[in-house]
Protein backbone atom coordinates (compact mmCIF):
# COMPACT_ATOMS: atom_id res chain seq x y z
CA MET A 1 19.82 58.90 -64.06
CA LEU A 2 19.47 56.19 -66.62
CA VAL A 3 16.23 54.25 -66.34
CA ARG A 4 16.23 50.94 -68.13
CA LYS A 5 12.90 49.83 -69.50
CA LEU A 6 12.04 46.32 -68.36
CA ARG A 7 11.11 43.92 -71.08
CA PHE A 8 8.86 40.90 -70.29
CA PRO A 9 8.91 37.81 -72.44
CA LYS A 10 6.21 37.70 -75.03
CA TYR A 11 4.47 34.87 -73.16
CA TYR A 12 3.99 36.96 -69.98
CA LYS A 13 0.20 36.74 -70.45
CA MET A 14 0.43 33.07 -69.56
CA PHE A 15 1.89 33.83 -66.13
CA PRO A 16 -1.43 33.58 -64.16
CA PHE A 17 -2.15 30.22 -65.76
CA LEU A 18 1.31 28.95 -64.90
CA CYS A 19 0.80 29.99 -61.28
CA LEU A 20 -2.54 28.15 -61.13
CA PHE A 21 -0.94 25.06 -62.65
CA ALA A 22 1.84 25.19 -60.04
CA VAL A 23 -0.68 25.41 -57.18
CA LEU A 24 -2.65 22.45 -58.55
CA LEU A 25 0.54 20.44 -58.92
CA LEU A 26 1.53 21.15 -55.32
CA LEU A 27 -1.89 20.04 -54.08
CA VAL A 28 -1.67 16.77 -55.96
CA MET A 29 1.90 16.10 -54.82
CA SER A 30 1.03 16.81 -51.18
CA GLY A 31 -1.87 14.37 -51.30
CA LEU A 32 -4.51 16.96 -50.44
CA GLN A 33 -8.06 16.25 -51.54
CA MET A 34 -9.65 19.21 -53.26
CA PHE A 35 -13.11 17.70 -53.05
CA PRO A 36 -14.27 15.90 -49.88
CA VAL A 37 -15.72 12.43 -50.27
CA ALA A 38 -18.44 10.65 -48.28
CA ALA A 39 -19.71 13.94 -46.89
CA THR A 40 -22.79 13.95 -44.68
CA GLN A 41 -25.90 13.97 -46.86
CA ALA A 42 -28.72 16.43 -46.51
CA LYS A 43 -31.49 15.43 -44.11
CA PRO A 44 -34.05 13.25 -45.90
CA SER A 45 -37.61 14.18 -46.79
CA VAL A 46 -40.10 11.47 -45.78
CA SER A 47 -43.76 10.78 -46.49
CA ALA A 48 -44.45 9.57 -42.95
CA LYS A 49 -46.61 11.43 -40.48
CA ALA A 50 -44.00 10.58 -37.83
CA ALA A 51 -40.48 9.21 -38.22
CA VAL A 52 -37.24 8.60 -36.32
CA LEU A 53 -33.76 7.39 -37.19
CA LEU A 54 -31.89 6.09 -34.13
CA HIS A 55 -28.26 5.08 -33.67
CA ALA A 56 -28.89 1.76 -31.94
CA ASP A 57 -25.63 1.60 -29.98
CA THR A 58 -25.72 5.07 -28.41
CA GLY A 59 -29.40 6.03 -28.60
CA GLU A 60 -28.60 9.23 -30.51
CA VAL A 61 -31.48 10.50 -32.65
CA LEU A 62 -30.06 11.25 -36.10
CA PHE A 63 -33.33 12.31 -37.73
CA ALA A 64 -36.81 12.99 -36.38
CA LYS A 65 -40.21 14.15 -37.55
CA ASN A 66 -43.09 14.40 -35.07
CA GLU A 67 -41.24 11.74 -33.09
CA SER A 68 -43.24 12.23 -29.87
CA GLU A 69 -46.72 12.29 -31.42
CA ARG A 70 -48.91 9.48 -30.12
CA LEU A 71 -50.17 7.35 -32.99
CA SER A 72 -51.43 3.81 -33.53
CA MET A 73 -48.68 1.47 -34.69
CA ALA A 74 -50.54 -1.54 -36.14
CA SER A 75 -48.63 -4.83 -36.28
CA THR A 76 -45.30 -3.33 -35.30
CA THR A 77 -46.87 -4.06 -31.89
CA LYS A 78 -45.80 -7.66 -32.44
CA ILE A 79 -42.18 -6.63 -31.88
CA MET A 80 -43.04 -6.45 -28.19
CA THR A 81 -45.20 -9.58 -28.22
CA SER A 82 -42.58 -11.70 -29.98
CA LEU A 83 -39.75 -10.29 -27.84
CA LEU A 84 -41.56 -11.33 -24.65
CA ALA A 85 -42.29 -14.74 -26.17
CA LEU A 86 -38.65 -15.30 -27.15
CA GLU A 87 -37.36 -14.11 -23.78
CA GLN A 88 -39.58 -16.69 -22.09
CA ALA A 89 -38.74 -19.36 -24.66
CA ALA A 90 -35.05 -18.91 -23.87
CA VAL A 91 -35.83 -20.09 -20.33
CA SER A 92 -38.55 -22.61 -21.16
CA ASN A 93 -39.99 -23.23 -24.63
CA PRO A 94 -43.30 -24.98 -23.93
CA GLU A 95 -45.43 -26.85 -26.45
CA ILE A 96 -48.76 -25.05 -26.75
CA THR A 97 -52.04 -26.70 -27.71
CA LEU A 98 -54.16 -24.05 -29.40
CA THR A 99 -57.73 -23.29 -28.39
CA THR A 100 -60.60 -21.66 -30.24
CA GLU A 101 -60.14 -18.51 -28.14
CA MET A 102 -56.51 -18.27 -29.19
CA VAL A 103 -57.04 -18.50 -32.94
CA THR A 104 -60.33 -16.59 -33.29
CA VAL A 105 -59.03 -13.24 -34.50
CA GLU A 106 -59.34 -11.17 -37.66
CA GLY A 107 -56.57 -10.04 -39.96
CA SER A 108 -53.29 -11.58 -40.99
CA SER A 109 -52.70 -15.19 -40.00
CA MET A 110 -50.14 -17.98 -39.98
CA GLY A 111 -52.97 -20.48 -40.55
CA LEU A 112 -53.44 -21.78 -37.01
CA LYS A 113 -56.44 -23.86 -35.97
CA ALA A 114 -57.80 -25.10 -32.64
CA GLY A 115 -56.07 -28.35 -31.70
CA TYR A 116 -52.81 -27.49 -33.43
CA ARG A 117 -49.71 -27.87 -31.28
CA LEU A 118 -46.42 -25.98 -31.65
CA THR A 119 -43.79 -24.29 -29.48
CA LEU A 120 -43.83 -20.74 -28.12
CA ARG A 121 -40.75 -19.88 -30.19
CA ASP A 122 -42.52 -21.00 -33.37
CA LEU A 123 -45.40 -18.65 -32.58
CA ALA A 124 -42.83 -15.83 -32.48
CA ILE A 125 -41.67 -16.88 -35.96
CA GLY A 126 -45.25 -16.57 -37.22
CA MET A 127 -45.47 -13.07 -35.75
CA LEU A 128 -42.21 -11.81 -37.23
CA THR A 129 -42.65 -13.25 -40.73
CA VAL A 130 -46.30 -13.25 -41.85
CA SER A 131 -47.47 -11.05 -38.96
CA GLY A 132 -49.87 -13.69 -37.64
CA ASN A 133 -52.53 -12.18 -35.38
CA ASP A 134 -53.46 -15.75 -34.44
CA ALA A 135 -49.86 -16.35 -33.34
CA ALA A 136 -49.84 -13.16 -31.23
CA ASN A 137 -53.15 -14.03 -29.55
CA SER A 138 -52.04 -17.60 -28.88
CA ALA A 139 -48.74 -16.55 -27.33
CA ALA A 140 -50.41 -13.89 -25.16
CA ILE A 141 -53.04 -16.25 -23.74
CA ALA A 142 -50.57 -19.10 -23.30
CA MET A 143 -48.10 -16.89 -21.41
CA ALA A 144 -50.44 -14.77 -19.28
CA GLY A 145 -53.85 -16.49 -19.29
CA SER A 146 -55.60 -13.62 -21.10
CA LYS A 147 -54.87 -10.80 -23.53
CA GLU A 148 -55.58 -8.26 -20.78
CA ALA A 149 -53.05 -9.81 -18.41
CA PHE A 150 -50.50 -10.01 -21.22
CA ALA A 151 -51.03 -6.31 -22.03
CA LYS A 152 -49.86 -5.52 -18.49
CA ARG A 153 -46.65 -7.45 -19.18
CA MET A 154 -46.20 -5.50 -22.38
CA ASN A 155 -46.60 -2.18 -20.60
CA ASP A 156 -44.27 -3.21 -17.79
CA ARG A 157 -41.58 -4.15 -20.32
CA ALA A 158 -42.17 -0.89 -22.19
CA ALA A 159 -41.50 1.04 -18.97
CA GLN A 160 -38.21 -0.85 -18.52
CA ILE A 161 -37.14 0.11 -22.04
CA GLY A 162 -38.03 3.76 -21.49
CA MET A 163 -41.10 3.94 -23.74
CA LYS A 164 -42.79 6.81 -21.90
CA ASN A 165 -45.51 7.58 -24.46
CA THR A 166 -46.70 4.06 -25.21
CA HIS A 167 -49.72 2.05 -24.05
CA PHE A 168 -50.39 -1.49 -25.24
CA VAL A 169 -53.87 -3.01 -25.25
CA THR A 170 -53.73 -5.79 -27.84
CA PRO A 171 -50.91 -8.31 -28.52
CA SER A 172 -51.45 -8.13 -32.28
CA GLY A 173 -51.80 -4.39 -32.92
CA LEU A 174 -55.44 -4.35 -33.99
CA ASP A 175 -56.91 -0.87 -33.57
CA ASP A 176 -57.99 0.32 -30.14
CA PRO A 177 -58.33 3.95 -28.96
CA GLU A 178 -56.00 3.23 -26.00
CA HIS A 179 -53.41 1.36 -28.05
CA TYR A 180 -50.73 3.82 -29.14
CA SER A 181 -47.03 4.65 -29.26
CA THR A 182 -44.65 7.14 -30.85
CA ALA A 183 -42.00 6.86 -33.51
CA TYR A 184 -39.30 7.46 -30.88
CA ASP A 185 -40.66 4.82 -28.49
CA MET A 186 -40.92 2.26 -31.28
CA ALA A 187 -37.29 2.97 -32.20
CA LEU A 188 -36.30 2.23 -28.59
CA LEU A 189 -38.26 -1.02 -28.82
CA GLY A 190 -36.66 -1.96 -32.12
CA ALA A 191 -33.16 -1.33 -30.75
CA GLU A 192 -33.93 -3.41 -27.65
CA ALA A 193 -35.39 -6.28 -29.70
CA ILE A 194 -32.43 -6.71 -32.05
CA ARG A 195 -30.11 -7.00 -29.05
CA ASN A 196 -31.83 -10.34 -28.50
CA GLU A 197 -29.86 -12.70 -30.74
CA ASP A 198 -32.76 -15.10 -31.31
CA PHE A 199 -35.10 -12.25 -32.23
CA LEU A 200 -32.52 -10.90 -34.69
CA SER A 201 -31.90 -14.33 -36.22
CA ILE A 202 -35.61 -14.62 -37.06
CA CYS A 203 -36.49 -11.10 -38.19
CA SER A 204 -33.44 -10.85 -40.47
CA GLN A 205 -34.40 -13.89 -42.59
CA LYS A 206 -36.47 -13.68 -45.76
CA GLN A 207 -37.99 -17.11 -45.11
CA VAL A 208 -38.24 -19.24 -41.96
CA SER A 209 -39.66 -22.75 -41.48
CA VAL A 210 -41.85 -23.92 -38.59
CA GLN A 211 -42.11 -27.56 -37.58
CA PHE A 212 -45.61 -28.23 -36.25
CA ILE A 213 -45.99 -30.95 -33.63
CA GLN A 214 -49.69 -31.49 -34.36
CA PRO A 215 -50.49 -31.94 -37.19
CA GLU A 216 -47.00 -33.16 -38.07
CA GLN A 217 -45.99 -30.79 -40.85
CA ARG A 218 -43.33 -28.31 -41.82
CA VAL A 219 -44.47 -24.92 -43.13
CA ARG A 220 -42.22 -22.28 -44.67
CA TYR A 221 -43.21 -18.66 -44.06
CA SER A 222 -42.01 -15.67 -46.13
CA ASN A 223 -41.14 -12.43 -44.37
CA HIS A 224 -43.40 -9.47 -45.26
CA ASN A 225 -40.48 -7.06 -44.82
CA ARG A 226 -39.47 -6.29 -48.42
CA LEU A 227 -36.69 -4.03 -47.19
CA LEU A 228 -34.62 -7.17 -46.50
CA SER A 229 -34.27 -7.52 -50.28
CA MET A 230 -34.37 -3.84 -51.20
CA TYR A 231 -31.65 -2.40 -48.93
CA GLN A 232 -28.11 -3.69 -48.47
CA GLY A 233 -27.45 -4.37 -44.80
CA CYS A 234 -31.10 -4.52 -43.70
CA ILE A 235 -31.48 -6.90 -40.73
CA GLY A 236 -35.20 -6.54 -39.84
CA VAL A 237 -37.54 -5.71 -38.16
CA LYS A 238 -41.36 -5.60 -38.61
CA THR A 239 -44.09 -4.25 -40.87
CA GLY A 240 -47.60 -3.14 -39.91
CA PHE A 241 -50.80 -1.91 -41.49
CA THR A 242 -54.39 -1.15 -40.58
CA LYS A 243 -56.80 1.25 -42.25
CA LYS A 244 -56.61 3.57 -39.23
CA SER A 245 -52.83 3.36 -38.71
CA GLY A 246 -51.76 3.38 -42.35
CA ARG A 247 -48.45 1.80 -43.30
CA CYS A 248 -46.10 1.40 -40.32
CA LEU A 249 -42.56 0.07 -40.40
CA VAL A 250 -39.76 -0.51 -37.91
CA SER A 251 -36.53 -1.51 -39.65
CA ALA A 252 -32.87 -1.97 -38.81
CA ALA A 253 -29.73 -1.94 -40.94
CA GLU A 254 -26.05 -2.52 -40.24
CA ARG A 255 -22.93 -1.52 -42.18
CA ASN A 256 -19.28 -1.49 -41.10
CA GLY A 257 -20.23 -2.01 -37.47
CA VAL A 258 -22.79 0.82 -37.48
CA ARG A 259 -26.30 -0.30 -36.53
CA LEU A 260 -29.31 1.97 -37.15
CA VAL A 261 -33.04 1.67 -36.41
CA ALA A 262 -35.63 3.53 -38.49
CA VAL A 263 -39.32 3.99 -37.75
CA THR A 264 -42.16 5.42 -39.81
CA LEU A 265 -45.80 5.67 -38.70
CA SER A 266 -48.52 6.37 -41.26
CA ALA A 267 -46.15 6.46 -44.24
CA PRO A 268 -47.53 6.03 -47.78
CA ASP A 269 -43.99 5.58 -49.16
CA ASP A 270 -42.37 3.73 -46.27
CA TRP A 271 -39.90 1.59 -48.25
CA ASN A 272 -38.28 4.66 -49.82
CA ASP A 273 -38.55 6.64 -46.58
CA HIS A 274 -36.43 4.06 -44.79
CA GLN A 275 -33.84 3.80 -47.53
CA ARG A 276 -33.39 7.58 -47.55
CA MET A 277 -33.09 7.68 -43.77
CA PHE A 278 -30.53 4.87 -43.72
CA ASP A 279 -28.44 6.51 -46.45
CA TYR A 280 -28.43 9.70 -44.42
CA GLY A 281 -27.63 7.88 -41.17
CA PHE A 282 -24.71 5.92 -42.57
CA SER A 283 -23.25 9.19 -43.89
CA CYS A 284 -23.44 10.65 -40.36
CA VAL A 285 -22.08 7.81 -38.23
CA LYS A 286 -18.58 6.39 -38.51
CA ALA A 287 -16.59 3.64 -36.79
CA TYR A 288 -13.76 4.82 -34.52
CA PRO A 289 -11.30 2.12 -33.37
CA ILE A 290 -10.19 2.15 -29.73
CA ASP A 291 -6.57 1.05 -29.26
CA GLU A 292 -4.75 1.54 -25.93
CA SER A 293 -2.03 -1.03 -26.66
CA GLY A 294 0.56 1.59 -27.56
CA VAL A 295 0.28 3.56 -24.31
CA SER A 296 1.79 2.49 -20.98
CA TYR A 297 1.75 3.97 -17.47
CA SER A 298 4.05 3.55 -14.49
CA VAL A 299 2.47 2.81 -11.10
CA PRO A 300 4.58 2.92 -7.87
CA VAL A 301 4.83 -0.36 -5.93
CA VAL A 302 5.28 -0.50 -2.15
CA GLY A 303 7.21 -3.41 -0.65
CA GLY A 304 8.27 -4.86 -3.97
CA GLN A 305 11.53 -5.91 -5.57
CA ALA A 306 10.86 -3.17 -8.13
CA GLU A 307 9.83 0.38 -7.30
CA SER A 308 7.15 0.51 -10.00
CA VAL A 309 5.31 -1.57 -12.56
CA LEU A 310 4.32 -0.73 -16.14
CA VAL A 311 0.66 -1.19 -17.04
CA GLN A 312 -0.74 -1.25 -20.55
CA GLY A 313 -4.07 -1.44 -22.32
CA GLN A 314 -5.23 -3.24 -25.42
CA ALA A 315 -7.23 -2.74 -28.58
CA LEU A 316 -10.98 -3.26 -28.40
CA PRO A 317 -12.18 -5.82 -30.97
CA LYS A 318 -15.21 -3.68 -31.84
CA PRO A 319 -14.84 0.02 -32.71
CA LEU A 320 -17.06 2.74 -31.31
CA THR A 321 -19.68 3.90 -33.80
CA LEU A 322 -20.40 7.58 -33.30
CA SER A 323 -21.50 10.67 -35.14
CA GLU A 324 -18.85 13.35 -35.57
CA SER A 325 -20.43 15.52 -32.89
CA GLN A 326 -20.44 12.60 -30.46
CA TYR A 327 -16.81 11.82 -31.23
CA GLN A 328 -15.85 15.42 -30.49
CA SER A 329 -17.70 15.18 -27.14
CA LEU A 330 -16.08 11.87 -26.15
CA LYS A 331 -14.07 12.07 -22.91
CA ARG A 332 -11.14 9.76 -22.23
CA VAL A 333 -10.49 9.11 -18.52
CA VAL A 334 -7.56 7.05 -17.12
CA GLU A 335 -8.32 5.30 -13.82
CA LEU A 336 -5.23 4.06 -11.91
CA PRO A 337 -4.40 3.75 -8.19
CA ARG A 338 -1.76 6.09 -6.71
CA PHE A 339 0.33 3.04 -5.71
CA LEU A 340 0.18 -0.75 -5.33
CA TYR A 341 1.31 -3.17 -2.65
CA ALA A 342 3.53 -6.04 -3.76
CA PRO A 343 3.20 -8.68 -5.00
CA VAL A 344 1.81 -7.81 -8.42
CA GLU A 345 0.81 -10.74 -10.61
CA PRO A 346 1.53 -10.85 -14.36
CA GLN A 347 -1.39 -9.47 -16.40
CA GLN A 348 -3.10 -8.37 -13.18
CA VAL A 349 -5.76 -5.76 -13.97
CA ILE A 350 -4.67 -2.56 -12.28
CA GLY A 351 -7.09 0.02 -13.69
CA ARG A 352 -8.87 1.02 -16.86
CA VAL A 353 -9.28 3.66 -19.54
CA ARG A 354 -12.89 4.59 -19.95
CA TYR A 355 -14.59 6.60 -22.68
CA ASP A 356 -17.55 8.69 -21.54
CA LEU A 357 -20.26 10.32 -23.62
CA ASP A 358 -22.84 12.58 -21.99
CA GLY A 359 -21.98 11.19 -18.57
CA LYS A 360 -22.33 7.55 -19.66
CA THR A 361 -19.44 5.13 -20.18
CA VAL A 362 -19.62 3.82 -23.75
CA ALA A 363 -16.32 1.87 -23.78
CA SER A 364 -13.81 0.60 -21.25
CA VAL A 365 -10.31 -0.84 -21.73
CA PRO A 366 -8.60 -2.70 -18.86
CA LEU A 367 -5.04 -1.70 -17.91
CA SER A 368 -2.94 -4.73 -16.94
CA ALA A 369 0.51 -5.21 -15.45
CA CYS A 370 3.17 -5.89 -18.07
CA ASP A 371 5.49 -7.78 -15.67
CA PRO A 372 5.18 -9.34 -12.21
CA VAL A 373 6.64 -7.67 -9.14
CA SER A 374 7.57 -9.98 -6.25
CA ALA A 375 7.34 -8.88 -2.63
CA LEU A 376 10.58 -7.75 -1.05
CA VAL A 377 11.90 -10.29 1.46
CA LEU A 378 13.50 -8.38 4.36
CA LYS A 379 16.26 -9.94 6.50
CA PRO A 380 15.44 -9.99 10.22
CA SER A 381 17.21 -7.40 12.35
CA PHE A 382 19.59 -8.28 15.25
CA TRP A 383 16.85 -7.79 17.87
CA GLN A 384 14.36 -9.82 15.83
CA LYS A 385 16.87 -12.68 15.77
CA ILE A 386 17.36 -12.44 19.59
CA THR A 387 13.60 -12.39 20.15
CA ALA A 388 13.10 -15.39 17.91
CA TRP A 389 15.93 -17.26 19.77
CA PHE A 390 14.29 -16.72 23.16
CA GLN A 391 10.87 -17.71 21.77
CA GLY A 392 12.44 -20.92 20.54
CA LEU A 393 13.79 -21.72 24.03
CA PHE A 394 10.38 -21.62 25.66
CA SER A 395 8.28 -23.07 22.88
């Protein structure tokens, strides 16, 4: 048998490289990304004794360090004091004449004196910008009659928010053995506070002016929160410091519809701690649009000129902001009746599509009728006509 010896071209050694080049070319042409972008960052390292990063919309904890340890929280206390003041001011914003008891307090100040007169809302501005202890004292006494009575209001509100490891004693945050909170509880408070539009409008500004009624003057106060200038998207919230508490900070930032709240207690490097936490958080949480406009359902109609009606949803104007793990756990549930009775009005809401996460509904889209369905008008039978004729004779 004749065996022919195969001869390879002299450039056969380049064959592996040509194969690699072909694979790379196929990847590029198919649009595949060889290297992922915007991947989740590594968890940050922080200087704080206790810290939390919270997704404000869902309450998911994205990062935590000693988050349940009870610690003093200094002037971040004024988040609660100013929130209560603004909630009351939204109903009635009284003019307050300051007394010696109100303004006699150590520490940071907005420069208040006995006899001055200004509104409750303006006291909240002094708390959220220059961290005025005099403003916090004045608001507490004006609203509740005493600091002790106001502390009860603070603790009642804390219970409503779900702050289970918090106890307020002072409206300003000056040290007291029984005045404490946790990083997690303060994150809950921060998230609750920025849901108040007036609170957010104040704490997100670098400078805010107050118009005094007596003496008649306008004073401009600069916000102590340097993170407003240091971090893109920062929208608040409040700084704090005492020798016992160390540096405390509750901050919030928003990007692409994602809102995060960060807290550090006793943090020597709090500005950088918060920036690292926010960078990490924004790499974890994404915006997911909800659009039900392209899906329709048929619902049977009883007694109508049509046997069924089409119902359709819509797109939500605001996307859901979730971590990837939350998105994977999201449950979509369609709620529709088994049938309808005619008539059906145009755009009548028939049901909904709800999105549930951990047993809680986080989004809901109404399902509305696409077209009307009139009731079927039945002709009277022979015996109905006879009955009606006799009724007419004796009526």
